[in-house]
Amino acid sequence: MRKDLKSFITNLLLKDDIWCHSFLNKKYVTQIIQDHLDAKINATNTISNLVMLELWHQQFASCLSN
């Protein structure tokens, strides 16, 4: 995940307008991702969960608002 999905993860989770940032601290999410990419921590599960949550919202949010 540190190499193969780096651009995907950063493009998805570090944008200013993502849904997760409406209830999660963006600075904290950014720090988790950066520490993971720098190999200071292994946050694979946390990052995977954030990716899935954001992708789920992108896919199904319009269905929920109808």
Protein backbone atom coordinates (compact mmCIF):
# COMPACT_ATOMS: atom_id res chain seq x y z
CA MET A 1 0.00 0.00 0.00
CA ARG A 2 2.88 2.36 0.67
CA LYS A 3 4.04 2.32 -2.94
CA ASP A 4 1.40 0.80 -5.17
CA LEU A 5 -1.58 2.79 -3.93
CA LYS A 6 0.13 5.96 -2.70
CA SER A 7 -1.27 8.29 -5.36
CA PHE A 8 -4.74 6.72 -5.18
CA ILE A 9 -4.89 7.08 -1.40
CA THR A 10 -3.54 10.60 -1.28
CA ASN A 11 -5.80 11.75 -4.13
CA LEU A 12 -8.83 10.22 -2.45
CA LEU A 13 -8.31 10.96 1.23
CA LEU A 14 -6.35 14.19 1.26
CA LYS A 15 -8.67 16.29 -0.88
CA ASP A 16 -10.39 19.17 0.92
CA ASP A 17 -13.92 18.26 -0.07
CA ILE A 18 -14.26 14.62 0.91
CA TRP A 19 -17.17 13.43 3.02
CA CYS A 20 -15.02 11.87 5.76
CA HIS A 21 -13.64 15.29 6.66
CA SER A 22 -17.12 16.38 7.70
CA PHE A 23 -16.78 14.23 10.82
CA LEU A 24 -13.08 13.31 11.03
CA ASN A 25 -10.17 15.59 11.83
CA LYS A 26 -8.38 16.18 8.52
CA LYS A 27 -5.05 16.91 10.23
CA TYR A 28 -5.23 13.60 12.09
CA VAL A 29 -6.11 11.65 8.93
CA THR A 30 -3.28 13.38 7.08
CA GLN A 31 -0.84 12.53 9.89
CA ILE A 32 -1.88 8.86 9.88
CA ILE A 33 -1.38 8.63 6.13
CA GLN A 34 1.96 10.45 6.24
CA ASP A 35 3.27 8.32 9.11
CA HIS A 36 2.22 5.21 7.23
CA LEU A 37 3.89 6.34 4.01
CA ASP A 38 7.05 7.18 5.98
CA ALA A 39 6.96 3.66 7.50
CA LYS A 40 6.68 5.05 11.03
CA ILE A 41 3.48 3.08 11.64
CA ASN A 42 1.49 0.39 9.90
CA ALA A 43 -1.92 1.95 9.35
CA THR A 44 -3.00 -0.34 6.53
CA ASN A 45 -6.27 -1.31 8.20
CA THR A 46 -7.17 2.23 9.18
CA ILE A 47 -6.40 3.63 5.74
CA SER A 48 -8.24 0.78 4.04
CA ASN A 49 -11.31 1.48 6.17
CA LEU A 50 -11.18 5.19 5.35
CA VAL A 51 -10.86 4.43 1.64
CA MET A 52 -13.81 2.04 1.74
CA LEU A 53 -15.93 4.50 3.71
CA GLU A 54 -15.23 7.32 1.30
CA LEU A 55 -15.81 5.16 -1.79
CA TRP A 56 -19.04 3.80 -0.29
CA HIS A 57 -20.27 7.32 0.29
CA GLN A 58 -19.37 8.41 -3.23
CA GLN A 59 -21.23 5.44 -4.66
CA PHE A 60 -24.34 5.42 -2.49
CA ALA A 61 -24.86 8.92 -1.05
CA SER A 62 -27.15 9.96 -3.89
CA CYS A 63 -29.33 6.91 -3.24
CA LEU A 64 -29.68 7.81 0.42
CA SER A 65 -30.71 11.40 -0.24
CA ASN A 66 -33.63 10.41 -2.50
